[in-house]
PDB file of N, CA and C in Angstrom:
ATOM      1  N   UNK A   1     -24.123  16.112   9.041  1.00  0.00           N
ATOM      2  CA  UNK A   1     -23.290  15.055   8.865  1.00  0.00           C
ATOM      3  C   UNK A   1     -23.105  15.034   7.508  1.00  0.00           C
ATOM      4  N   UNK A   2     -23.017  15.094   6.978  1.00  0.00           N
ATOM      5  CA  UNK A   2     -22.658  16.105   5.450  1.00  0.00           C
ATOM      6  C   UNK A   2     -20.891  16.231   5.792  1.00  0.00           C
ATOM      7  N   UNK A   3     -20.752  17.350   5.941  1.00  0.00           N
ATOM      8  CA  UNK A   3     -19.899  18.432   6.835  1.00  0.00           C
ATOM      9  C   UNK A   3     -18.590  16.549   7.107  1.00  0.00           C
ATOM     10  N   UNK A   4     -19.158  15.527   8.599  1.00  0.00           N
ATOM     11  CA  UNK A   4     -19.090  14.721   8.544  1.00  0.00           C
ATOM     12  C   UNK A   4     -18.305  13.755   7.881  1.00  0.00           C
ATOM     13  N   UNK A   5     -18.989  13.616   6.615  1.00  0.00           N
ATOM     14  CA  UNK A   5     -19.184  12.430   5.840  1.00  0.00           C
ATOM     15  C   UNK A   5     -17.947  12.252   4.769  1.00  0.00           C
ATOM     16  N   UNK A   6     -17.382  14.231   4.983  1.00  0.00           N
ATOM     17  CA  UNK A   6     -16.448  14.477   4.031  1.00  0.00           C
ATOM     18  C   UNK A   6     -15.394  14.371   4.985  1.00  0.00           C
ATOM     19  N   UNK A   7     -15.183  14.418   6.001  1.00  0.00           N
ATOM     20  CA  UNK A   7     -14.329  15.446   6.917  1.00  0.00           C
ATOM     21  C   UNK A   7     -14.090  13.432   7.268  1.00  0.00           C
ATOM     22  N   UNK A   8     -14.735  12.312   7.391  1.00  0.00           N
ATOM     23  CA  UNK A   8     -14.469  10.631   7.372  1.00  0.00           C
ATOM     24  C   UNK A   8     -13.204  10.850   6.047  1.00  0.00           C
ATOM     25  N   UNK A   9     -14.141  11.260   4.423  1.00  0.00           N
ATOM     26  CA  UNK A   9     -13.679  10.728   3.188  1.00  0.00           C
ATOM     27  C   UNK A   9     -12.042  10.966   3.182  1.00  0.00           C
ATOM     28  N   UNK A  10     -11.876  12.704   3.397  1.00  0.00           N
ATOM     29  CA  UNK A  10     -10.831  13.286   3.770  1.00  0.00           C
ATOM     30  C   UNK A  10      -9.894  12.591   4.764  1.00  0.00           C
ATOM     31  N   UNK A  11      -9.902  11.968   5.474  1.00  0.00           N
ATOM     32  CA  UNK A  11      -8.941  11.054   6.649  1.00  0.00           C
ATOM     33  C   UNK A  11      -9.190   9.562   6.130  1.00  0.00           C
ATOM     34  N   UNK A  12      -9.578   8.954   5.193  1.00  0.00           N
ATOM     35  CA  UNK A  12      -9.676   8.466   4.537  1.00  0.00           C
ATOM     36  C   UNK A  12      -8.553   7.901   3.694  1.00  0.00           C
ATOM     37  N   UNK A  13      -8.784   9.191   3.204  1.00  0.00           N
ATOM     38  CA  UNK A  13      -7.732   9.253   1.392  1.00  0.00           C
ATOM     39  C   UNK A  13      -6.518   9.570   2.243  1.00  0.00           C
ATOM     40  N   UNK A  14      -6.235  10.879   3.051  1.00  0.00           N
ATOM     41  CA  UNK A  14      -5.339  11.139   4.277  1.00  0.00           C
ATOM     42  C   UNK A  14      -4.016   9.606   4.345  1.00  0.00           C
ATOM     43  N   UNK A  15      -5.425   8.498   4.900  1.00  0.00           N
ATOM     44  CA  UNK A  15      -4.723   7.475   5.924  1.00  0.00           C
ATOM     45  C   UNK A  15      -4.284   6.330   4.526  1.00  0.00           C
ATOM     46  N   UNK A  16      -5.241   6.565   3.271  1.00  0.00           N
ATOM     47  CA  UNK A  16      -4.676   5.477   2.350  1.00  0.00           C
ATOM     48  C   UNK A  16      -3.071   5.563   1.735  1.00  0.00           C
ATOM     49  N   UNK A  17      -3.470   7.305   1.383  1.00  0.00           N
ATOM     50  CA  UNK A  17      -1.678   8.157   0.832  1.00  0.00           C
ATOM     51  C   UNK A  17      -0.785   7.175   1.828  1.00  0.00           C
ATOM     52  N   UNK A  18      -0.384   7.985   3.231  1.00  0.00           N
ATOM     53  CA  UNK A  18      -0.086   7.238   3.591  1.00  0.00           C
ATOM     54  C   UNK A  18       0.402   6.040   3.767  1.00  0.00           C
ATOM     55  N   UNK A  19      -0.589   5.474   3.498  1.00  0.00           N
ATOM     56  CA  UNK A  19       0.283   3.580   3.965  1.00  0.00           C
ATOM     57  C   UNK A  19       0.663   3.434   2.595  1.00  0.00           C
ATOM     58  N   UNK A  20       0.366   3.564   1.410  1.00  0.00           N
ATOM     59  CA  UNK A  20       1.072   3.823  -0.635  1.00  0.00           C
ATOM     60  C   UNK A  20       1.795   4.385  -0.277  1.00  0.00           C
ATOM     61  N   UNK A  21       2.411   5.115   0.638  1.00  0.00           N
ATOM     62  CA  UNK A  21       3.766   6.138   0.601  1.00  0.00           C
ATOM     63  C   UNK A  21       4.771   5.264   1.335  1.00  0.00           C
ATOM     64  N   UNK A  22       3.528   4.934   2.565  1.00  0.00           N
ATOM     65  CA  UNK A  22       4.685   3.308   3.653  1.00  0.00           C
ATOM     66  C   UNK A  22       5.300   2.695   2.735  1.00  0.00           C
ATOM     67  N   UNK A  23       4.037   1.821   2.431  1.00  0.00           N
ATOM     68  CA  UNK A  23       4.760   0.703   0.931  1.00  0.00           C
ATOM     69  C   UNK A  23       5.472   0.852  -0.002  1.00  0.00           C
ATOM     70  N   UNK A  24       5.748   2.333  -0.500  1.00  0.00           N
ATOM     71  CA  UNK A  24       6.352   2.509  -1.638  1.00  0.00           C
ATOM     72  C   UNK A  24       8.235   2.369  -1.059  1.00  0.00           C
ATOM     73  N   UNK A  25       7.839   3.019   0.503  1.00  0.00           N
ATOM     74  CA  UNK A  25       8.948   3.728   0.982  1.00  0.00           C
ATOM     75  C   UNK A  25       9.761   1.604   1.385  1.00  0.00           C
ATOM     76  N   UNK A  26       8.950   1.119   1.447  1.00  0.00           N
ATOM     77  CA  UNK A  26       9.404  -0.237   2.433  1.00  0.00           C
ATOM     78  C   UNK A  26      10.184  -0.724   1.213  1.00  0.00           C
ATOM     79  N   UNK A  27       9.777  -0.140   0.313  1.00  0.00           N
ATOM     80  CA  UNK A  27      10.079  -1.742  -1.322  1.00  0.00           C
ATOM     81  C   UNK A  27      11.391  -0.972  -1.300  1.00  0.00           C
ATOM     82  N   UNK A  28      10.945   0.313  -1.694  1.00  0.00           N
ATOM     83  CA  UNK A  28      13.043   0.748  -1.687  1.00  0.00           C
ATOM     84  C   UNK A  28      13.627   0.513  -0.572  1.00  0.00           C
ATOM     85  N   UNK A  29      13.053  -0.001   0.892  1.00  0.00           N
ATOM     86  CA  UNK A  29      14.064   0.000   1.349  1.00  0.00           C
ATOM     87  C   UNK A  29      14.518  -1.466   1.864  1.00  0.00           C
ATOM     88  N   UNK A  30      13.395  -2.047   0.767  1.00  0.00           N
ATOM     89  CA  UNK A  30      14.334  -3.566   0.813  1.00  0.00           C
ATOM     90  C   UNK A  30      14.592  -3.891  -0.658  1.00  0.00           C
ATOM     91  N   UNK A  31      14.228  -3.241  -1.496  1.00  0.00           N
ATOM     92  CA  UNK A  31      15.465  -3.292  -2.673  1.00  0.00           C
ATOM     93  C   UNK A  31      16.755  -2.740  -3.019  1.00  0.00           C
ATOM     94  N   UNK A  32      17.218  -1.635  -0.979  1.00  0.00           N
ATOM     95  CA  UNK A  32      18.258  -1.367  -1.232  1.00  0.00           C
ATOM     96  C   UNK A  32      18.967  -2.177  -0.405  1.00  0.00           C
ATOM     97  N   UNK A  33      18.127  -2.725  -0.044  1.00  0.00           N
ATOM     98  CA  UNK A  33      18.980  -3.894   1.573  1.00  0.00           C
ATOM     99  C   UNK A  33      19.861  -4.776   0.097  1.00  0.00           C
ATOM    100  N   UNK A  34      19.622  -5.837  -0.529  1.00  0.00           N
ATOM    101  CA  UNK A  34      19.658  -6.764  -1.132  1.00  0.00           C
ATOM    102  C   UNK A  34      21.004  -5.699  -2.046  1.00  0.00           C
ATOM    103  N   UNK A  35      20.786  -4.462  -2.098  1.00  0.00           N
ATOM    104  CA  UNK A  35      22.172  -3.779  -2.611  1.00  0.00           C
ATOM    105  C   UNK A  35      23.115  -3.404  -1.845  1.00  0.00           C
ATOM    106  N   UNK A  36      22.688  -2.786  -1.171  1.00  0.00           N
ATOM    107  CA  UNK A  36      23.604  -2.556  -0.583  1.00  0.00           C
ATOM    108  C   UNK A  36      24.527  -3.789   0.463  1.00  0.00           C
ATOM    109  N   UNK A  37      23.984  -5.467   0.403  1.00  0.00           N
ATOM    110  CA  UNK A  37      24.888  -6.103   0.771  1.00  0.00           C
ATOM    111  C   UNK A  37      25.199  -7.115  -0.159  1.00  0.00           C
ATOM    112  N   UNK A  38      24.723  -6.604  -1.458  1.00  0.00           N
ATOM    113  CA  UNK A  38      25.385  -6.937  -2.663  1.00  0.00           C
ATOM    114  C   UNK A  38      27.259  -6.879  -2.534  1.00  0.00           C
ATOM    115  N   UNK A  39      27.282  -4.838  -2.133  1.00  0.00           N
ATOM    116  CA  UNK A  39      28.511  -3.969  -2.208  1.00  0.00           C
ATOM    117  C   UNK A  39      29.273  -4.674  -1.325  1.00  0.00           C
ATOM    118  N   UNK A  40      28.849  -4.605  -0.160  1.00  0.00           N
ATOM    119  CA  UNK A  40      29.310  -5.663   1.178  1.00  0.00           C
ATOM    120  C   UNK A  40      30.223  -6.532   1.297  1.00  0.00           C
ATOM    121  N   UNK A  41      29.363  -7.999  -0.252  1.00  0.00           N
ATOM    122  CA  UNK A  41      30.037  -9.136   0.083  1.00  0.00           C
ATOM    123  C   UNK A  41      31.035  -9.110  -1.342  1.00  0.00           C
ATOM    124  N   UNK A  42      30.618  -7.584  -1.834  1.00  0.00           N
ATOM    125  CA  UNK A  42      31.533  -7.859  -2.868  1.00  0.00           C
ATOM    126  C   UNK A  42      33.279  -7.245  -2.699  1.00  0.00           C
ATOM    127  N   UNK A  43      33.238  -6.444  -1.516  1.00  0.00           N
ATOM    128  CA  UNK A  43      34.547  -6.397  -1.092  1.00  0.00           C
ATOM    129  C   UNK A  43      34.878  -6.672  -0.272  1.00  0.00           C
ATOM    130  N   UNK A  44      34.575  -7.727   0.502  1.00  0.00           N
ATOM    131  CA  UNK A  44      35.349  -9.174   1.462  1.00  0.00           C
ATOM    132  C   UNK A  44      35.295 -10.174   0.140  1.00  0.00           C
ATOM    133  N   UNK A  45      34.368 -10.287  -0.861  1.00  0.00           N
ATOM    134  CA  UNK A  45      35.466 -10.823  -2.286  1.00  0.00           C
ATOM    135  C   UNK A  45      36.585 -10.226  -2.647  1.00  0.00           C
ATOM    136  N   UNK A  46      36.240  -9.262  -2.545  1.00  0.00           N
ATOM    137  CA  UNK A  46      38.040  -8.299  -3.390  1.00  0.00           C
ATOM    138  C   UNK A  46      38.967  -8.299  -2.793  1.00  0.00           C
ATOM    139  N   UNK A  47      39.235  -8.448  -1.225  1.00  0.00           N
ATOM    140  CA  UNK A  47      39.937  -8.222  -0.129  1.00  0.00           C
ATOM    141  C   UNK A  47      40.340 -10.056  -0.796  1.00  0.00           C
ATOM    142  N   UNK A  48      39.950 -10.495  -0.237  1.00  0.00           N
ATOM    143  CA  UNK A  48      39.537 -11.923  -0.792  1.00  0.00           C
ATOM    144  C   UNK A  48      40.603 -12.436  -1.645  1.00  0.00           C
ATOM    145  N   UNK A  49      40.113 -11.573  -2.797  1.00  0.00           N
ATOM    146  CA  UNK A  49      40.714 -12.440  -4.241  1.00  0.00           C
ATOM    147  C   UNK A  49      41.849 -11.413  -4.497  1.00  0.00           C
ATOM    148  N   UNK A  50      42.603 -10.497  -3.151  1.00  0.00           N
ATOM    149  CA  UNK A  50      43.740  -9.681  -3.461  1.00  0.00           C
ATOM    150  C   UNK A  50      44.349 -10.433  -2.938  1.00  0.00           C
ATOM    151  N   UNK A  51      43.963 -11.908  -2.218  1.00  0.00           N
ATOM    152  CA  UNK A  51      45.309 -11.685  -1.707  1.00  0.00           C
ATOM    153  C   UNK A  51      44.864 -13.382  -1.748  1.00  0.00           C
ATOM    154  N   UNK A  52      44.435 -13.953  -2.793  1.00  0.00           N
ATOM    155  CA  UNK A  52      45.729 -15.328  -3.802  1.00  0.00           C
ATOM    156  C   UNK A  52      46.387 -14.404  -5.115  1.00  0.00           C
ATOM    157  N   UNK A  53      46.339 -13.427  -5.631  1.00  0.00           N
ATOM    158  CA  UNK A  53      47.385 -13.638  -6.240  1.00  0.00           C
ATOM    159  C   UNK A  53      46.726 -12.105  -7.381  1.00  0.00           C
ATOM    160  N   UNK A  54      47.715 -11.549  -9.021  1.00  0.00           N
ATOM    161  CA  UNK A  54      47.267 -10.674  -9.486  1.00  0.00           C
ATOM    162  C   UNK A  54      46.565 -11.054 -10.669  1.00  0.00           C
ATOM    163  N   UNK A  55      46.291 -12.708 -11.052  1.00  0.00           N
ATOM    164  CA  UNK A  55      45.376 -12.027 -12.005  1.00  0.00           C
ATOM    165  C   UNK A  55      44.052 -12.692 -11.935  1.00  0.00           C
ATOM    166  N   UNK A  56      43.814 -13.201 -10.704  1.00  0.00           N
ATOM    167  CA  UNK A  56      42.502 -13.753 -10.317  1.00  0.00           C
ATOM    168  C   UNK A  56      41.654 -11.915  -9.950  1.00  0.00           C
ATOM    169  N   UNK A  57      42.679 -11.438  -8.941  1.00  0.00           N
ATOM    170  CA  UNK A  57      42.153  -9.481  -8.587  1.00  0.00           C
ATOM    171  C   UNK A  57      42.020  -9.262 -10.245  1.00  0.00           C
ATOM    172  N   UNK A  58      42.596  -9.348 -11.051  1.00  0.00           N
ATOM    173  CA  UNK A  58      41.944  -8.568 -12.219  1.00  0.00           C
ATOM    174  C   UNK A  58      41.392  -8.990 -13.206  1.00  0.00           C
ATOM    175  N   UNK A  59      40.830 -10.491 -13.244  1.00  0.00           N
ATOM    176  CA  UNK A  59      40.050 -10.786 -13.352  1.00  0.00           C
ATOM    177  C   UNK A  59      38.398 -10.616 -13.239  1.00  0.00           C
ATOM    178  N   UNK A  60      38.524 -10.373 -11.105  1.00  0.00           N
ATOM    179  CA  UNK A  60      37.109 -10.094 -10.705  1.00  0.00           C
ATOM    180  C   UNK A  60      36.807  -8.432 -10.905  1.00  0.00           C
ATOM    181  N   UNK A  61      38.287  -7.792 -10.834  1.00  0.00           N
ATOM    182  CA  UNK A  61      37.564  -6.196 -11.382  1.00  0.00           C
ATOM    183  C   UNK A  61      37.067  -6.381 -12.154  1.00  0.00           C
ATOM    184  N   UNK A  62      37.836  -7.286 -13.917  1.00  0.00           N
ATOM    185  CA  UNK A  62      37.233  -6.700 -14.537  1.00  0.00           C
ATOM    186  C   UNK A  62      35.305  -7.441 -14.863  1.00  0.00           C
ATOM    187  N   UNK A  63      35.370  -8.773 -14.010  1.00  0.00           N
ATOM    188  CA  UNK A  63      34.297  -8.829 -14.131  1.00  0.00           C
ATOM    189  C   UNK A  63      33.414  -7.634 -13.337  1.00  0.00           C
ATOM    190  N   UNK A  64      33.306  -7.225 -12.223  1.00  0.00           N
ATOM    191  CA  UNK A  64      33.058  -6.481 -11.453  1.00  0.00           C
ATOM    192  C   UNK A  64      33.087  -5.189 -12.051  1.00  0.00           C
ATOM    193  N   UNK A  65      33.849  -4.781 -12.844  1.00  0.00           N
ATOM    194  CA  UNK A  65      32.626  -3.316 -13.276  1.00  0.00           C
ATOM    195  C   UNK A  65      31.810  -3.454 -14.598  1.00  0.00           C
ATOM    196  N   UNK A  66      32.017  -4.723 -14.811  1.00  0.00           N
ATOM    197  CA  UNK A  66      30.477  -4.535 -16.438  1.00  0.00           C
ATOM    198  C   UNK A  66      29.262  -4.640 -15.909  1.00  0.00           C
ATOM    199  N   UNK A  67      29.415  -5.642 -14.177  1.00  0.00           N
ATOM    200  CA  UNK A  67      28.190  -6.004 -13.103  1.00  0.00           C
ATOM    201  C   UNK A  67      28.224  -4.755 -12.449  1.00  0.00           C
ATOM    202  N   UNK A  68      28.324  -4.068 -12.435  1.00  0.00           N
ATOM    203  CA  UNK A  68      28.171  -2.742 -11.416  1.00  0.00           C
ATOM    204  C   UNK A  68      27.735  -2.079 -12.420  1.00  0.00           C
ATOM    205  N   UNK A  69      27.606  -1.496 -14.014  1.00  0.00           N
ATOM    206  CA  UNK A  69      27.586  -1.268 -14.731  1.00  0.00           C
ATOM    207  C   UNK A  69      25.651  -1.331 -15.004  1.00  0.00           C
ATOM    208  N   UNK A  70      26.237  -2.877 -15.267  1.00  0.00           N
ATOM    209  CA  UNK A  70      24.073  -2.684 -15.280  1.00  0.00           C
ATOM    210  C   UNK A  70      23.553  -2.507 -14.144  1.00  0.00           C
ATOM    211  N   UNK A  71      24.262  -3.329 -13.369  1.00  0.00           N
ATOM    212  CA  UNK A  71      23.261  -3.370 -11.834  1.00  0.00           C
ATOM    213  C   UNK A  71      23.160  -1.563 -11.379  1.00  0.00           C
ATOM    214  N   UNK A  72      23.970  -0.367 -12.108  1.00  0.00           N
ATOM    215  CA  UNK A  72      24.207   0.911 -11.207  1.00  0.00           C
ATOM    216  C   UNK A  72      22.768   1.120 -12.398  1.00  0.00           C
ATOM    217  N   UNK A  73      22.625   1.036 -13.540  1.00  0.00           N
ATOM    218  CA  UNK A  73      21.554   1.299 -14.341  1.00  0.00           C
ATOM    219  C   UNK A  73      20.322   0.373 -13.976  1.00  0.00           C
ATOM    220  N   UNK A  74      20.139  -0.454 -13.827  1.00  0.00           N
ATOM    221  CA  UNK A  74      18.675  -0.916 -13.448  1.00  0.00           C
ATOM    222  C   UNK A  74      18.895  -0.540 -12.130  1.00  0.00           C
ATOM    223  N   UNK A  75      19.141  -0.346 -11.462  1.00  0.00           N
ATOM    224  CA  UNK A  75      18.489   0.714 -10.120  1.00  0.00           C
ATOM    225  C   UNK A  75      18.082   1.786 -10.491  1.00  0.00           C
ATOM    226  N   UNK A  76      19.598   2.760 -10.847  1.00  0.00           N
ATOM    227  CA  UNK A  76      18.448   4.378 -11.687  1.00  0.00           C
ATOM    228  C   UNK A  76      17.289   4.081 -12.317  1.00  0.00           C
ATOM    229  N   UNK A  77      17.048   3.256 -13.565  1.00  0.00           N
ATOM    230  CA  UNK A  77      15.510   3.205 -13.497  1.00  0.00           C
ATOM    231  C   UNK A  77      15.013   2.614 -13.061  1.00  0.00           C
ATOM    232  N   UNK A  78      15.168   1.983 -12.544  1.00  0.00           N
ATOM    233  CA  UNK A  78      13.829   1.383 -10.837  1.00  0.00           C
ATOM    234  C   UNK A  78      13.422   2.400 -10.123  1.00  0.00           C
ATOM    235  N   UNK A  79      14.524   2.941  -9.717  1.00  0.00           N
ATOM    236  CA  UNK A  79      14.243   3.549  -8.830  1.00  0.00           C
ATOM    237  C   UNK A  79      13.660   5.313  -9.564  1.00  0.00           C
ATOM    238  N   UNK A  80      13.722   5.559 -10.883  1.00  0.00           N
ATOM    239  CA  UNK A  80      13.195   6.506 -11.602  1.00  0.00           C
ATOM    240  C   UNK A  80      11.846   6.364 -11.932  1.00  0.00           C
ATOM    241  N   UNK A  81      12.000   5.190 -12.116  1.00  0.00           N
ATOM    242  CA  UNK A  81      10.559   4.457 -12.310  1.00  0.00           C
ATOM    243  C   UNK A  81       9.235   4.850 -10.689  1.00  0.00           C
ATOM    244  N   UNK A  82       9.806   4.095  -9.670  1.00  0.00           N
ATOM    245  CA  UNK A  82       9.257   4.094  -8.710  1.00  0.00           C
ATOM    246  C   UNK A  82       8.663   5.843  -7.638  1.00  0.00           C
ATOM    247  N   UNK A  83       9.820   6.369  -8.401  1.00  0.00           N
ATOM    248  CA  UNK A  83       9.466   7.843  -7.950  1.00  0.00           C
ATOM    249  C   UNK A  83       8.306   9.014  -8.890  1.00  0.00           C
ATOM    250  N   UNK A  84       8.654   8.212 -10.368  1.00  0.00           N
ATOM    251  CA  UNK A  84       7.360   8.682 -11.342  1.00  0.00           C
ATOM    252  C   UNK A  84       5.597   8.040 -10.782  1.00  0.00           C
ATOM    253  N   UNK A  85       5.752   6.823  -9.835  1.00  0.00           N
ATOM    254  CA  UNK A  85       4.519   6.443  -9.931  1.00  0.00           C
ATOM    255  C   UNK A  85       4.365   6.787  -8.918  1.00  0.00           C
ATOM    256  N   UNK A  86       5.288   7.617  -7.497  1.00  0.00           N
ATOM    257  CA  UNK A  86       4.745   7.824  -6.448  1.00  0.00           C
ATOM    258  C   UNK A  86       4.366   9.166  -6.536  1.00  0.00           C
ATOM    259  N   UNK A  87       5.210  10.294  -8.094  1.00  0.00           N
ATOM    260  CA  UNK A  87       4.099  11.484  -8.140  1.00  0.00           C
ATOM    261  C   UNK A  87       3.311  11.270  -8.748  1.00  0.00           C
ATOM    262  N   UNK A  88       2.750  10.076  -9.593  1.00  0.00           N
ATOM    263  CA  UNK A  88       1.381  10.111 -10.740  1.00  0.00           C
ATOM    264  C   UNK A  88       0.462   9.446  -9.171  1.00  0.00           C
ATOM    265  N   UNK A  89       0.427   9.095  -8.192  1.00  0.00           N
ATOM    266  CA  UNK A  89       0.220   8.794  -7.175  1.00  0.00           C
ATOM    267  C   UNK A  89      -0.222  10.208  -6.013  1.00  0.00           C
ATOM    268  N   UNK A  90       0.806  10.754  -6.231  1.00  0.00           N
ATOM    269  CA  UNK A  90       0.626  11.859  -5.524  1.00  0.00           C
ATOM    270  C   UNK A  90      -0.962  13.341  -6.394  1.00  0.00           C
ATOM    271  N   UNK A  91      -0.053  13.281  -7.941  1.00  0.00           N
ATOM    272  CA  UNK A  91      -0.723  14.786  -7.962  1.00  0.00           C
ATOM    273  C   UNK A  91      -2.715  13.670  -8.836  1.00  0.00           C
ATOM    274  N   UNK A  92      -2.498  12.314  -8.928  1.00  0.00           N
ATOM    275  CA  UNK A  92      -3.689  12.226  -8.846  1.00  0.00           C
ATOM    276  C   UNK A  92      -4.915  12.444  -7.423  1.00  0.00           C
ATOM    277  N   UNK A  93      -4.393  12.284  -6.265  1.00  0.00           N
ATOM    278  CA  UNK A  93      -5.168  12.873  -5.442  1.00  0.00           C
ATOM    279  C   UNK A  93      -5.138  14.385  -5.227  1.00  0.00           C
ATOM    280  N   UNK A  94      -4.015  15.089  -5.837  1.00  0.00           N
ATOM    281  CA  UNK A  94      -4.299  16.627  -5.404  1.00  0.00           C
ATOM    282  C   UNK A  94      -5.831  16.879  -6.551  1.00  0.00           C
ATOM    283  N   UNK A  95      -5.458  16.235  -7.600  1.00  0.00           N
ATOM    284  CA  UNK A  95      -6.685  16.355  -9.194  1.00  0.00           C
ATOM    285  C   UNK A  95      -8.352  16.466  -8.976  1.00  0.00           C
ATOM    286  N   UNK A  96      -7.439  14.553  -7.957  1.00  0.00           N
ATOM    287  CA  UNK A  96      -9.387  15.035  -7.307  1.00  0.00           C
ATOM    288  C   UNK A  96     -10.056  15.480  -6.436  1.00  0.00           C
ATOM    289  N   UNK A  97      -8.828  15.509  -5.412  1.00  0.00           N
ATOM    290  CA  UNK A  97      -9.410  16.804  -4.281  1.00  0.00           C
ATOM    291  C   UNK A  97      -9.778  18.335  -5.490  1.00  0.00           C
ATOM    292  N   UNK A  98      -9.311  18.733  -6.316  1.00  0.00           N
ATOM    293  CA  UNK A  98      -9.472  19.497  -7.165  1.00  0.00           C
ATOM    294  C   UNK A  98     -11.413  19.427  -7.448  1.00  0.00           C
ATOM    295  N   UNK A  99     -10.771  18.180  -8.493  1.00  0.00           N
ATOM    296  CA  UNK A  99     -12.397  18.413  -8.912  1.00  0.00           C
ATOM    297  C   UNK A  99     -13.817  18.084  -8.407  1.00  0.00           C
ATOM    298  N   UNK A 100     -13.846  17.570  -7.431  1.00  0.00           N
ATOM    299  CA  UNK A 100     -14.374  17.070  -5.622  1.00  0.00           C
ATOM    300  C   UNK A 100     -14.682  18.640  -5.027  1.00  0.00           C
ATOM    301  N   UNK A 101     -13.880  19.739  -4.822  1.00  0.00           N
ATOM    302  CA  UNK A 101     -13.834  20.982  -4.584  1.00  0.00           C
ATOM    303  C   UNK A 101     -14.317  22.040  -4.749  1.00  0.00           C
ATOM    304  N   UNK A 102     -13.837  21.392  -7.028  1.00  0.00           N
ATOM    305  CA  UNK A 102     -14.106  22.604  -7.231  1.00  0.00           C
ATOM    306  C   UNK A 102     -16.255  22.732  -8.430  1.00  0.00           C
TER     307      UNK A 102
END
């Protein structure tokens, strides 16, 4: 009975880990989707501005460059934090397993 109980705990922990990883993965996809859409829309926006004239295109490019830098920094920061959180959860699971089995 004890072995079965531990086996159930193991299975539950792995199931919960899978759910946690899936949730993080879906969050990344959800975050990436608007980011990719923004780039996609920007490409069309650039093409439209290029057809309207040099001055509008130059102003748009200047705005795009500064916005692109900020968005890239925020995106990288968010991704680093998500990876750190995932690693922390993973390490915590390993630590708890070591403490329990030890």
